Amino acid sequence: MILKRTIIICAILCGFLSSAQNQEPSSKNIYLKANALFLPIGVLNAGVEFQVKEKITAQGDVFISPWKSFAGKYAQVYMMGFEGRYYFQEAFKHWYVGANISGARYIIQKYNYWSDDIFQYTDESPTYVSSDLYQDGYSVMIGATVGYQFQLSDRWNMDLYIGGGSIQSFYKGYHKELGVRYDTDPTRDYNRSGEFLPYKGGVMISYKL
């Protein structure tokens, strides 16, 4: 049901993009950008946004969190994504909506495993402390974005945005010290989960080439 709703949202956004296909800009611009919220903690979130039509842009971006341990939590994430954006006024100015798809590879400890509660995968499985467990896998994300771009100068912009949608994950769960699987299941190798959550956002500082 969640995935179906996300696909419908993306289809509506794609309709916006298609309706503006006949609008040619007088000149096409390209912006390099980096997320100012993550750089201070050693996480790179950077991208390139380029103009396609008068009100349409396309963006490719990467998110790299190299931390094997951050505040005691596993936090390695390597994500790449693509997004199409429709600006209500003109490209790179003011309000916009977008549709995106991303893929991620990660070794993390999910937020619901940060406590010291007792965890048991099935009634027959051993019991563990939740904070001793982590996840190793990959995800596919499809969703929508809403944002607003401020023009700071002739070449500099600030892009505030948030995006979310369906996250389909495939992972294996391990114990930090023992190295054993906590989610063993004879019927499948990977554990699977589907969630509807925000998965991108921040403050991008953009430079016009």
N, C-alpha and C. Protein backbone atom coordinates (compact mmCIF):
# COMPACT_ATOMS: atom_id res chain seq x y z
N MET A 1 0.83 -1.20 0.00
CA MET A 1 0.00 0.00 0.00
C MET A 1 0.87 1.26 0.00
N ILE A 2 1.93 1.27 0.84
CA ILE A 2 2.84 2.41 0.91
C ILE A 2 3.54 2.61 -0.41
N LEU A 3 4.05 1.51 -1.01
CA LEU A 3 4.74 1.61 -2.29
C LEU A 3 3.79 2.13 -3.36
N LYS A 4 2.53 1.67 -3.33
CA LYS A 4 1.55 2.11 -4.32
C LYS A 4 1.33 3.61 -4.23
N ARG A 5 1.20 4.14 -3.00
CA ARG A 5 1.01 5.58 -2.82
C ARG A 5 2.21 6.36 -3.33
N THR A 6 3.41 5.85 -3.07
CA THR A 6 4.61 6.54 -3.52
C THR A 6 4.66 6.59 -5.04
N ILE A 7 4.31 5.49 -5.69
CA ILE A 7 4.32 5.45 -7.15
C ILE A 7 3.31 6.45 -7.72
N ILE A 8 2.14 6.58 -7.07
CA ILE A 8 1.13 7.54 -7.52
C ILE A 8 1.67 8.97 -7.41
N ILE A 9 2.32 9.27 -6.27
CA ILE A 9 2.91 10.60 -6.08
C ILE A 9 3.93 10.91 -7.17
N CYS A 10 4.79 9.93 -7.44
CA CYS A 10 5.82 10.13 -8.45
C CYS A 10 5.20 10.30 -9.84
N ALA A 11 4.12 9.57 -10.11
CA ALA A 11 3.44 9.70 -11.40
C ALA A 11 2.87 11.10 -11.58
N ILE A 12 2.31 11.67 -10.51
CA ILE A 12 1.78 13.03 -10.57
C ILE A 12 2.90 14.03 -10.84
N LEU A 13 4.04 13.84 -10.15
CA LEU A 13 5.17 14.73 -10.36
C LEU A 13 5.72 14.61 -11.77
N CYS A 14 5.75 13.39 -12.28
CA CYS A 14 6.21 13.20 -13.66
C CYS A 14 5.27 13.89 -14.64
N GLY A 15 3.98 13.96 -14.28
CA GLY A 15 3.02 14.68 -15.11
C GLY A 15 3.36 16.16 -15.18
N PHE A 16 3.79 16.73 -14.02
CA PHE A 16 4.23 18.12 -14.00
C PHE A 16 5.43 18.31 -14.93
N LEU A 17 6.37 17.38 -14.86
CA LEU A 17 7.56 17.48 -15.69
C LEU A 17 7.22 17.41 -17.17
N SER A 18 6.32 16.51 -17.53
CA SER A 18 5.93 16.34 -18.93
C SER A 18 5.21 17.57 -19.46
N SER A 19 4.40 18.21 -18.61
CA SER A 19 3.61 19.37 -19.05
C SER A 19 4.49 20.56 -19.38
N ALA A 20 5.71 20.58 -18.84
CA ALA A 20 6.60 21.71 -19.09
C ALA A 20 7.68 21.40 -20.10
N GLN A 21 7.57 20.31 -20.82
CA GLN A 21 8.61 19.89 -21.74
C GLN A 21 8.81 20.87 -22.90
N ASN A 22 7.77 21.61 -23.26
CA ASN A 22 7.87 22.50 -24.42
C ASN A 22 8.43 23.87 -24.06
N GLN A 23 8.85 24.07 -22.82
CA GLN A 23 9.37 25.35 -22.39
C GLN A 23 10.89 25.32 -22.43
N GLU A 24 11.47 25.94 -23.43
CA GLU A 24 12.92 25.96 -23.59
C GLU A 24 13.50 27.17 -22.88
N PRO A 25 14.53 27.01 -22.05
CA PRO A 25 15.16 28.15 -21.40
C PRO A 25 16.05 28.91 -22.36
N SER A 26 16.27 30.18 -22.06
CA SER A 26 17.16 30.97 -22.90
C SER A 26 18.60 30.50 -22.75
N SER A 27 18.98 30.00 -21.58
CA SER A 27 20.30 29.41 -21.36
C SER A 27 20.17 28.35 -20.29
N LYS A 28 20.98 27.31 -20.39
CA LYS A 28 20.91 26.20 -19.44
C LYS A 28 22.07 26.30 -18.45
N ASN A 29 21.73 26.16 -17.18
CA ASN A 29 22.71 26.36 -16.12
C ASN A 29 23.04 25.05 -15.41
N ILE A 30 24.21 25.02 -14.78
CA ILE A 30 24.66 23.88 -13.99
C ILE A 30 25.16 24.38 -12.65
N TYR A 31 24.74 23.72 -11.58
CA TYR A 31 25.18 24.07 -10.23
C TYR A 31 25.84 22.87 -9.57
N LEU A 32 27.00 23.10 -8.97
CA LEU A 32 27.64 22.13 -8.07
C LEU A 32 27.19 22.45 -6.66
N LYS A 33 26.92 21.42 -5.84
CA LYS A 33 26.35 21.68 -4.53
C LYS A 33 26.85 20.69 -3.48
N ALA A 34 26.85 21.14 -2.23
CA ALA A 34 27.23 20.29 -1.11
C ALA A 34 26.35 20.62 0.08
N ASN A 35 26.04 19.60 0.89
CA ASN A 35 25.14 19.77 2.02
C ASN A 35 25.92 20.30 3.23
N ALA A 36 25.60 21.53 3.62
CA ALA A 36 26.32 22.19 4.71
C ALA A 36 26.04 21.55 6.08
N LEU A 37 24.95 20.81 6.21
CA LEU A 37 24.62 20.21 7.51
C LEU A 37 25.52 19.03 7.85
N PHE A 38 26.00 18.31 6.83
CA PHE A 38 26.73 17.07 7.08
C PHE A 38 28.26 17.23 7.05
N LEU A 39 28.77 18.22 6.34
CA LEU A 39 30.22 18.39 6.23
C LEU A 39 30.92 18.51 7.58
N PRO A 40 30.35 19.23 8.57
CA PRO A 40 31.05 19.36 9.86
C PRO A 40 31.24 18.04 10.60
N ILE A 41 30.46 17.02 10.29
CA ILE A 41 30.63 15.72 10.97
C ILE A 41 31.30 14.69 10.06
N GLY A 42 31.95 15.17 8.98
CA GLY A 42 32.72 14.28 8.13
C GLY A 42 31.89 13.41 7.21
N VAL A 43 30.68 13.86 6.85
CA VAL A 43 29.81 13.14 5.93
C VAL A 43 29.65 13.97 4.67
N LEU A 44 29.88 13.36 3.51
CA LEU A 44 29.79 14.08 2.25
C LEU A 44 28.44 13.80 1.58
N ASN A 45 27.71 14.87 1.31
CA ASN A 45 26.48 14.80 0.52
C ASN A 45 26.59 15.89 -0.54
N ALA A 46 26.91 15.49 -1.75
CA ALA A 46 27.17 16.44 -2.82
C ALA A 46 26.43 16.03 -4.08
N GLY A 47 26.26 16.99 -4.99
CA GLY A 47 25.53 16.68 -6.21
C GLY A 47 25.77 17.71 -7.30
N VAL A 48 25.17 17.43 -8.44
CA VAL A 48 25.18 18.32 -9.59
C VAL A 48 23.74 18.47 -10.06
N GLU A 49 23.28 19.72 -10.17
CA GLU A 49 21.93 19.99 -10.67
C GLU A 49 22.06 20.77 -11.97
N PHE A 50 21.45 20.27 -13.02
CA PHE A 50 21.56 20.95 -14.32
C PHE A 50 20.18 21.17 -14.92
N GLN A 51 20.09 22.24 -15.68
CA GLN A 51 18.83 22.67 -16.25
C GLN A 51 18.50 21.87 -17.50
N VAL A 52 17.26 21.41 -17.59
CA VAL A 52 16.78 20.67 -18.76
C VAL A 52 15.82 21.51 -19.58
N LYS A 53 14.84 22.11 -18.91
CA LYS A 53 13.88 23.01 -19.54
C LYS A 53 13.78 24.27 -18.68
N GLU A 54 12.90 25.18 -19.07
CA GLU A 54 12.79 26.44 -18.35
C GLU A 54 12.49 26.25 -16.87
N LYS A 55 11.62 25.27 -16.54
CA LYS A 55 11.25 25.03 -15.15
C LYS A 55 11.67 23.66 -14.65
N ILE A 56 12.46 22.95 -15.42
CA ILE A 56 12.82 21.57 -15.07
C ILE A 56 14.33 21.44 -14.93
N THR A 57 14.75 20.76 -13.86
CA THR A 57 16.15 20.41 -13.68
C THR A 57 16.27 18.93 -13.36
N ALA A 58 17.47 18.42 -13.52
CA ALA A 58 17.78 17.04 -13.12
C ALA A 58 18.99 17.09 -12.20
N GLN A 59 18.98 16.24 -11.18
CA GLN A 59 20.07 16.25 -10.20
C GLN A 59 20.56 14.83 -9.93
N GLY A 60 21.88 14.69 -9.93
CA GLY A 60 22.52 13.47 -9.47
C GLY A 60 23.26 13.77 -8.19
N ASP A 61 23.19 12.90 -7.20
CA ASP A 61 23.85 13.20 -5.93
C ASP A 61 24.37 11.93 -5.27
N VAL A 62 25.33 12.13 -4.38
CA VAL A 62 25.90 11.03 -3.61
C VAL A 62 25.87 11.40 -2.13
N PHE A 63 25.77 10.37 -1.30
CA PHE A 63 25.83 10.53 0.15
C PHE A 63 26.82 9.50 0.66
N ILE A 64 27.88 9.97 1.31
CA ILE A 64 28.94 9.07 1.79
C ILE A 64 29.20 9.33 3.27
N SER A 65 28.84 8.35 4.09
CA SER A 65 29.18 8.37 5.51
C SER A 65 30.19 7.25 5.75
N PRO A 66 31.47 7.59 5.90
CA PRO A 66 32.51 6.55 5.99
C PRO A 66 32.73 6.01 7.40
N TRP A 67 31.90 6.42 8.37
CA TRP A 67 32.17 6.11 9.76
C TRP A 67 31.90 4.64 10.08
N LYS A 68 32.97 3.92 10.42
CA LYS A 68 32.79 2.55 10.92
C LYS A 68 32.15 2.58 12.30
N SER A 69 32.38 3.67 13.03
CA SER A 69 31.73 3.86 14.32
C SER A 69 31.56 5.36 14.54
N PHE A 70 30.33 5.77 14.83
CA PHE A 70 30.04 7.18 15.13
C PHE A 70 29.19 7.21 16.40
N ALA A 71 29.76 7.78 17.45
CA ALA A 71 29.10 7.78 18.77
C ALA A 71 28.75 6.36 19.21
N GLY A 72 29.64 5.42 18.86
CA GLY A 72 29.45 4.04 19.26
C GLY A 72 28.51 3.24 18.38
N LYS A 73 28.02 3.86 17.29
CA LYS A 73 27.08 3.19 16.39
C LYS A 73 27.71 3.00 15.01
N TYR A 74 27.45 1.84 14.39
CA TYR A 74 27.91 1.61 13.03
C TYR A 74 27.18 2.57 12.11
N ALA A 75 27.91 3.27 11.23
CA ALA A 75 27.27 4.33 10.42
C ALA A 75 27.91 4.48 9.05
N GLN A 76 28.19 3.35 8.38
CA GLN A 76 28.71 3.42 7.01
C GLN A 76 27.55 3.38 6.02
N VAL A 77 27.43 4.43 5.20
CA VAL A 77 26.37 4.51 4.20
C VAL A 77 26.96 5.07 2.92
N TYR A 78 26.69 4.39 1.80
CA TYR A 78 27.13 4.85 0.48
C TYR A 78 25.90 4.84 -0.42
N MET A 79 25.43 6.04 -0.78
CA MET A 79 24.16 6.16 -1.51
C MET A 79 24.33 7.03 -2.75
N MET A 80 23.68 6.62 -3.83
CA MET A 80 23.63 7.41 -5.06
C MET A 80 22.17 7.57 -5.46
N GLY A 81 21.84 8.75 -6.01
CA GLY A 81 20.46 8.99 -6.39
C GLY A 81 20.32 9.90 -7.59
N PHE A 82 19.15 9.88 -8.17
CA PHE A 82 18.81 10.76 -9.29
C PHE A 82 17.44 11.36 -9.01
N GLU A 83 17.31 12.65 -9.35
CA GLU A 83 16.05 13.35 -9.09
C GLU A 83 15.70 14.29 -10.24
N GLY A 84 14.41 14.32 -10.60
CA GLY A 84 13.89 15.31 -11.53
C GLY A 84 13.08 16.33 -10.75
N ARG A 85 13.30 17.62 -11.03
CA ARG A 85 12.65 18.69 -10.28
C ARG A 85 11.82 19.60 -11.19
N TYR A 86 10.70 20.05 -10.67
CA TYR A 86 9.86 21.03 -11.37
C TYR A 86 9.73 22.27 -10.49
N TYR A 87 10.20 23.42 -11.01
CA TYR A 87 10.12 24.70 -10.30
C TYR A 87 8.88 25.46 -10.75
N PHE A 88 8.15 25.99 -9.81
CA PHE A 88 6.90 26.66 -10.14
C PHE A 88 7.12 28.03 -10.79
N GLN A 89 8.29 28.64 -10.54
CA GLN A 89 8.58 29.94 -11.14
C GLN A 89 9.56 29.79 -12.30
N GLU A 90 10.80 29.46 -11.99
CA GLU A 90 11.80 29.14 -13.00
C GLU A 90 12.90 28.33 -12.34
N ALA A 91 13.68 27.65 -13.15
CA ALA A 91 14.70 26.74 -12.62
C ALA A 91 15.64 27.45 -11.66
N PHE A 92 15.91 26.78 -10.54
CA PHE A 92 16.83 27.23 -9.50
C PHE A 92 16.28 28.39 -8.66
N LYS A 93 14.99 28.68 -8.78
CA LYS A 93 14.43 29.78 -8.00
C LYS A 93 13.16 29.36 -7.28
N HIS A 94 13.17 29.51 -5.98
CA HIS A 94 11.99 29.40 -5.12
C HIS A 94 11.45 27.96 -5.04
N TRP A 95 10.13 27.79 -4.92
CA TRP A 95 9.54 26.49 -4.61
C TRP A 95 9.67 25.50 -5.76
N TYR A 96 9.87 24.23 -5.39
CA TYR A 96 9.90 23.15 -6.38
C TYR A 96 9.43 21.85 -5.76
N VAL A 97 9.05 20.92 -6.61
CA VAL A 97 8.77 19.54 -6.20
C VAL A 97 9.60 18.62 -7.08
N GLY A 98 9.88 17.43 -6.59
CA GLY A 98 10.70 16.51 -7.35
C GLY A 98 10.32 15.06 -7.11
N ALA A 99 10.73 14.22 -8.04
CA ALA A 99 10.58 12.77 -7.91
C ALA A 99 11.98 12.16 -7.97
N ASN A 100 12.28 11.19 -7.09
CA ASN A 100 13.64 10.67 -7.03
C ASN A 100 13.67 9.16 -6.84
N ILE A 101 14.81 8.59 -7.21
CA ILE A 101 15.09 7.18 -6.96
C ILE A 101 16.55 7.08 -6.53
N SER A 102 16.81 6.25 -5.53
CA SER A 102 18.16 6.12 -4.97
C SER A 102 18.44 4.67 -4.62
N GLY A 103 19.72 4.35 -4.53
CA GLY A 103 20.17 3.06 -4.06
C GLY A 103 21.25 3.24 -3.02
N ALA A 104 21.29 2.38 -2.01
CA ALA A 104 22.25 2.54 -0.92
C ALA A 104 22.85 1.20 -0.52
N ARG A 105 24.11 1.26 -0.12
CA ARG A 105 24.82 0.13 0.48
C ARG A 105 25.24 0.58 1.87
N TYR A 106 25.02 -0.24 2.89
CA TYR A 106 25.28 0.24 4.24
C TYR A 106 25.70 -0.88 5.19
N ILE A 107 26.40 -0.44 6.23
CA ILE A 107 26.67 -1.24 7.43
C ILE A 107 26.34 -0.30 8.58
N ILE A 108 25.19 -0.45 9.17
CA ILE A 108 24.70 0.49 10.16
C ILE A 108 24.06 -0.23 11.34
N GLN A 109 23.79 0.55 12.36
CA GLN A 109 22.94 0.08 13.44
C GLN A 109 21.66 0.90 13.38
N LYS A 110 20.55 0.27 13.01
CA LYS A 110 19.28 0.98 12.86
C LYS A 110 18.87 1.61 14.19
N TYR A 111 18.14 2.73 14.07
CA TYR A 111 17.79 3.53 15.25
C TYR A 111 17.03 2.73 16.30
N ASN A 112 16.24 1.73 15.89
CA ASN A 112 15.47 0.97 16.87
C ASN A 112 16.30 -0.13 17.55
N TYR A 113 17.62 -0.13 17.32
CA TYR A 113 18.53 -1.05 18.01
C TYR A 113 19.50 -0.31 18.94
N TRP A 114 19.26 0.97 19.18
CA TRP A 114 20.17 1.75 20.01
C TRP A 114 20.00 1.51 21.51
N SER A 115 18.90 0.93 21.92
CA SER A 115 18.66 0.74 23.35
C SER A 115 19.32 -0.55 23.84
N ASP A 116 19.30 -0.75 25.14
CA ASP A 116 19.84 -1.98 25.75
C ASP A 116 18.74 -2.98 26.06
N ASP A 117 17.63 -2.89 25.35
CA ASP A 117 16.53 -3.84 25.53
C ASP A 117 16.94 -5.24 25.06
N ILE A 118 16.27 -6.24 25.57
CA ILE A 118 16.52 -7.61 25.15
C ILE A 118 15.85 -7.85 23.79
N PHE A 119 16.59 -8.47 22.88
CA PHE A 119 16.07 -8.74 21.54
C PHE A 119 16.10 -10.24 21.26
N GLN A 120 15.03 -10.73 20.66
CA GLN A 120 14.97 -12.13 20.25
C GLN A 120 14.26 -12.19 18.91
N TYR A 121 14.93 -12.72 17.89
CA TYR A 121 14.40 -12.71 16.52
C TYR A 121 13.17 -13.59 16.39
N THR A 122 13.24 -14.81 16.90
CA THR A 122 12.09 -15.72 16.97
C THR A 122 12.06 -16.35 18.36
N ASP A 123 11.01 -17.07 18.64
CA ASP A 123 10.90 -17.73 19.95
C ASP A 123 12.01 -18.75 20.17
N GLU A 124 12.56 -19.30 19.07
CA GLU A 124 13.61 -20.29 19.19
C GLU A 124 15.01 -19.69 19.13
N SER A 125 15.12 -18.39 18.81
CA SER A 125 16.43 -17.75 18.66
C SER A 125 17.03 -17.39 20.01
N PRO A 126 18.36 -17.26 20.06
CA PRO A 126 19.00 -16.79 21.30
C PRO A 126 18.59 -15.34 21.60
N THR A 127 18.72 -14.94 22.84
CA THR A 127 18.43 -13.55 23.22
C THR A 127 19.73 -12.74 23.21
N TYR A 128 19.61 -11.49 22.77
CA TYR A 128 20.75 -10.58 22.71
C TYR A 128 20.33 -9.22 23.26
N VAL A 129 21.32 -8.38 23.52
CA VAL A 129 21.06 -6.97 23.84
C VAL A 129 20.99 -6.21 22.52
N SER A 130 19.96 -5.42 22.31
CA SER A 130 19.74 -4.75 21.02
C SER A 130 20.93 -3.92 20.57
N SER A 131 21.57 -3.22 21.50
CA SER A 131 22.69 -2.34 21.14
C SER A 131 23.93 -3.10 20.69
N ASP A 132 23.94 -4.42 20.85
CA ASP A 132 25.06 -5.24 20.37
C ASP A 132 24.86 -5.71 18.93
N LEU A 133 23.76 -5.32 18.30
CA LEU A 133 23.41 -5.83 16.98
C LEU A 133 23.52 -4.73 15.91
N TYR A 134 23.81 -5.15 14.67
CA TYR A 134 23.87 -4.20 13.55
C TYR A 134 23.40 -4.87 12.27
N GLN A 135 23.23 -4.06 11.21
CA GLN A 135 22.68 -4.54 9.95
C GLN A 135 23.63 -4.25 8.79
N ASP A 136 23.75 -5.22 7.89
CA ASP A 136 24.65 -5.13 6.73
C ASP A 136 23.81 -5.45 5.50
N GLY A 137 23.59 -4.45 4.63
CA GLY A 137 22.74 -4.72 3.47
C GLY A 137 22.66 -3.57 2.50
N TYR A 138 21.55 -3.50 1.79
CA TYR A 138 21.35 -2.45 0.80
C TYR A 138 19.86 -2.11 0.72
N SER A 139 19.57 -0.93 0.16
CA SER A 139 18.19 -0.45 0.06
C SER A 139 17.96 0.21 -1.29
N VAL A 140 16.71 0.17 -1.71
CA VAL A 140 16.25 0.92 -2.88
C VAL A 140 15.16 1.86 -2.39
N MET A 141 15.26 3.14 -2.78
CA MET A 141 14.32 4.16 -2.31
C MET A 141 13.68 4.86 -3.50
N ILE A 142 12.39 5.08 -3.42
CA ILE A 142 11.67 5.85 -4.43
C ILE A 142 10.71 6.78 -3.71
N GLY A 143 10.73 8.06 -4.09
CA GLY A 143 9.91 9.00 -3.34
C GLY A 143 9.84 10.37 -3.97
N ALA A 144 9.46 11.35 -3.16
CA ALA A 144 9.25 12.72 -3.61
C ALA A 144 10.01 13.69 -2.73
N THR A 145 10.26 14.89 -3.27
CA THR A 145 10.99 15.93 -2.57
C THR A 145 10.24 17.25 -2.71
N VAL A 146 10.30 18.07 -1.67
CA VAL A 146 9.82 19.44 -1.76
C VAL A 146 10.92 20.34 -1.21
N GLY A 147 11.12 21.50 -1.87
CA GLY A 147 12.20 22.37 -1.43
C GLY A 147 12.03 23.80 -1.89
N TYR A 148 12.98 24.62 -1.47
CA TYR A 148 12.96 26.05 -1.81
C TYR A 148 14.39 26.50 -1.99
N GLN A 149 14.66 27.20 -3.09
CA GLN A 149 16.01 27.72 -3.35
C GLN A 149 16.03 29.23 -3.22
N PHE A 150 17.01 29.70 -2.42
CA PHE A 150 17.27 31.14 -2.29
C PHE A 150 18.46 31.50 -3.16
N GLN A 151 18.39 32.63 -3.84
CA GLN A 151 19.52 33.12 -4.60
C GLN A 151 20.34 34.05 -3.70
N LEU A 152 21.57 33.64 -3.38
CA LEU A 152 22.43 34.42 -2.50
C LEU A 152 23.21 35.48 -3.26
N SER A 153 23.61 35.15 -4.49
CA SER A 153 24.33 36.08 -5.36
C SER A 153 24.19 35.59 -6.79
N ASP A 154 24.93 36.18 -7.70
CA ASP A 154 24.83 35.78 -9.10
C ASP A 154 25.19 34.31 -9.30
N ARG A 155 26.11 33.78 -8.49
CA ARG A 155 26.58 32.40 -8.67
C ARG A 155 26.27 31.47 -7.51
N TRP A 156 25.80 32.00 -6.41
CA TRP A 156 25.59 31.17 -5.23
C TRP A 156 24.10 31.07 -4.87
N ASN A 157 23.66 29.85 -4.58
CA ASN A 157 22.29 29.58 -4.13
C ASN A 157 22.31 28.78 -2.84
N MET A 158 21.23 28.82 -2.10
CA MET A 158 21.02 27.96 -0.94
C MET A 158 19.73 27.18 -1.15
N ASP A 159 19.82 25.86 -1.04
CA ASP A 159 18.71 24.96 -1.35
C ASP A 159 18.28 24.23 -0.07
N LEU A 160 17.07 24.54 0.42
CA LEU A 160 16.51 23.85 1.59
C LEU A 160 15.48 22.83 1.10
N TYR A 161 15.61 21.59 1.54
CA TYR A 161 14.73 20.56 1.00
C TYR A 161 14.57 19.40 1.98
N ILE A 162 13.51 18.63 1.75
CA ILE A 162 13.31 17.38 2.47
C ILE A 162 12.60 16.41 1.53
N GLY A 163 12.97 15.15 1.61
CA GLY A 163 12.38 14.14 0.74
C GLY A 163 12.22 12.81 1.45
N GLY A 164 11.25 12.05 1.02
CA GLY A 164 11.02 10.74 1.61
C GLY A 164 10.12 9.91 0.72
N GLY A 165 9.90 8.68 1.13
CA GLY A 165 9.06 7.78 0.36
C GLY A 165 9.23 6.36 0.83
N SER A 166 9.17 5.44 -0.10
CA SER A 166 9.26 4.02 0.21
C SER A 166 10.72 3.57 0.23
N ILE A 167 11.11 2.90 1.32
CA ILE A 167 12.46 2.32 1.45
C ILE A 167 12.31 0.81 1.53
N GLN A 168 12.83 0.12 0.53
CA GLN A 168 12.81 -1.34 0.50
C GLN A 168 14.23 -1.84 0.80
N SER A 169 14.38 -2.54 1.93
CA SER A 169 15.71 -2.92 2.41
C SER A 169 15.89 -4.43 2.42
N PHE A 170 17.13 -4.84 2.15
CA PHE A 170 17.52 -6.26 2.17
C PHE A 170 18.84 -6.32 2.94
N TYR A 171 18.83 -7.02 4.08
CA TYR A 171 20.02 -6.97 4.92
C TYR A 171 20.18 -8.25 5.73
N LYS A 172 21.39 -8.39 6.28
CA LYS A 172 21.71 -9.45 7.22
C LYS A 172 22.05 -8.81 8.55
N GLY A 173 21.56 -9.41 9.62
CA GLY A 173 21.81 -8.87 10.95
C GLY A 173 22.89 -9.65 11.67
N TYR A 174 23.82 -8.93 12.33
CA TYR A 174 24.95 -9.57 13.01
C TYR A 174 25.11 -9.05 14.43
N HIS A 175 25.80 -9.83 15.24
CA HIS A 175 26.22 -9.42 16.58
C HIS A 175 27.61 -8.81 16.47
N LYS A 176 27.82 -7.65 17.09
CA LYS A 176 29.09 -6.93 16.97
C LYS A 176 30.28 -7.74 17.43
N GLU A 177 30.16 -8.38 18.58
CA GLU A 177 31.30 -9.08 19.17
C GLU A 177 31.41 -10.54 18.71
N LEU A 178 30.29 -11.22 18.63
CA LEU A 178 30.30 -12.65 18.30
C LEU A 178 30.42 -12.90 16.80
N GLY A 179 29.98 -11.93 15.99
CA GLY A 179 30.06 -12.09 14.54
C GLY A 179 29.05 -13.07 13.97
N VAL A 180 28.05 -13.48 14.74
CA VAL A 180 27.06 -14.45 14.28
C VAL A 180 25.80 -13.71 13.82
N ARG A 181 25.00 -14.37 12.99
CA ARG A 181 23.73 -13.82 12.56
C ARG A 181 22.72 -13.91 13.69
N TYR A 182 22.01 -12.81 13.95
CA TYR A 182 20.92 -12.87 14.93
C TYR A 182 19.57 -13.12 14.26
N ASP A 183 19.53 -13.01 12.92
CA ASP A 183 18.26 -13.12 12.19
C ASP A 183 18.24 -14.35 11.27
N THR A 184 18.80 -15.44 11.74
CA THR A 184 18.85 -16.65 10.91
C THR A 184 17.44 -17.15 10.60
N ASP A 185 17.24 -17.47 9.34
CA ASP A 185 15.95 -17.97 8.88
C ASP A 185 16.22 -18.97 7.76
N PRO A 186 15.88 -20.24 7.94
CA PRO A 186 16.19 -21.26 6.93
C PRO A 186 15.46 -21.03 5.61
N THR A 187 14.43 -20.18 5.59
CA THR A 187 13.66 -19.97 4.36
C THR A 187 14.23 -18.86 3.48
N ARG A 188 15.16 -18.03 4.02
CA ARG A 188 15.72 -16.94 3.23
C ARG A 188 17.06 -16.50 3.80
N ASP A 189 17.91 -15.98 2.90
CA ASP A 189 19.25 -15.55 3.30
C ASP A 189 19.23 -14.11 3.83
N TYR A 190 18.44 -13.25 3.18
CA TYR A 190 18.36 -11.85 3.58
C TYR A 190 17.07 -11.55 4.34
N ASN A 191 17.20 -10.72 5.36
CA ASN A 191 16.03 -10.17 6.02
C ASN A 191 15.49 -9.03 5.15
N ARG A 192 14.18 -8.85 5.11
CA ARG A 192 13.60 -7.82 4.25
C ARG A 192 12.67 -6.93 5.07
N SER A 193 12.67 -5.64 4.72
CA SER A 193 11.76 -4.71 5.38
C SER A 193 11.35 -3.61 4.42
N GLY A 194 10.16 -3.08 4.59
CA GLY A 194 9.66 -1.98 3.79
C GLY A 194 9.11 -0.90 4.71
N GLU A 195 9.57 0.33 4.52
CA GLU A 195 9.17 1.43 5.39
C GLU A 195 8.87 2.67 4.56
N PHE A 196 8.08 3.55 5.11
CA PHE A 196 7.80 4.85 4.51
C PHE A 196 8.38 5.91 5.44
N LEU A 197 9.54 6.49 5.05
CA LEU A 197 10.27 7.39 5.93
C LEU A 197 10.94 8.51 5.13
N PRO A 198 11.29 9.63 5.79
CA PRO A 198 12.16 10.61 5.14
C PRO A 198 13.56 10.03 5.01
N TYR A 199 14.22 10.23 3.89
CA TYR A 199 15.58 9.70 3.73
C TYR A 199 16.55 10.69 3.09
N LYS A 200 16.12 11.91 2.85
CA LYS A 200 17.04 12.93 2.36
C LYS A 200 16.56 14.30 2.81
N GLY A 201 17.50 15.23 2.93
CA GLY A 201 17.15 16.57 3.35
C GLY A 201 18.37 17.33 3.80
N GLY A 202 18.20 18.64 3.93
CA GLY A 202 19.32 19.44 4.40
C GLY A 202 19.35 20.81 3.80
N VAL A 203 20.56 21.39 3.81
CA VAL A 203 20.80 22.73 3.26
C VAL A 203 21.97 22.63 2.30
N MET A 204 21.67 22.63 1.02
CA MET A 204 22.71 22.57 0.00
C MET A 204 23.18 23.98 -0.36
N ILE A 205 24.46 24.18 -0.33
CA ILE A 205 25.06 25.41 -0.86
C ILE A 205 25.52 25.13 -2.28
N SER A 206 25.01 25.91 -3.24
CA SER A 206 25.21 25.61 -4.66
C SER A 206 26.04 26.70 -5.34
N TYR A 207 26.91 26.27 -6.26
CA TYR A 207 27.75 27.23 -7.03
C TYR A 207 27.49 27.03 -8.52
N LYS A 208 27.14 28.10 -9.19
CA LYS A 208 26.83 28.07 -10.62
C LYS A 208 28.11 28.06 -11.44
N LEU A 209 28.26 27.08 -12.32
CA LEU A 209 29.43 27.01 -13.19
C LEU A 209 29.34 28.04 -14.32
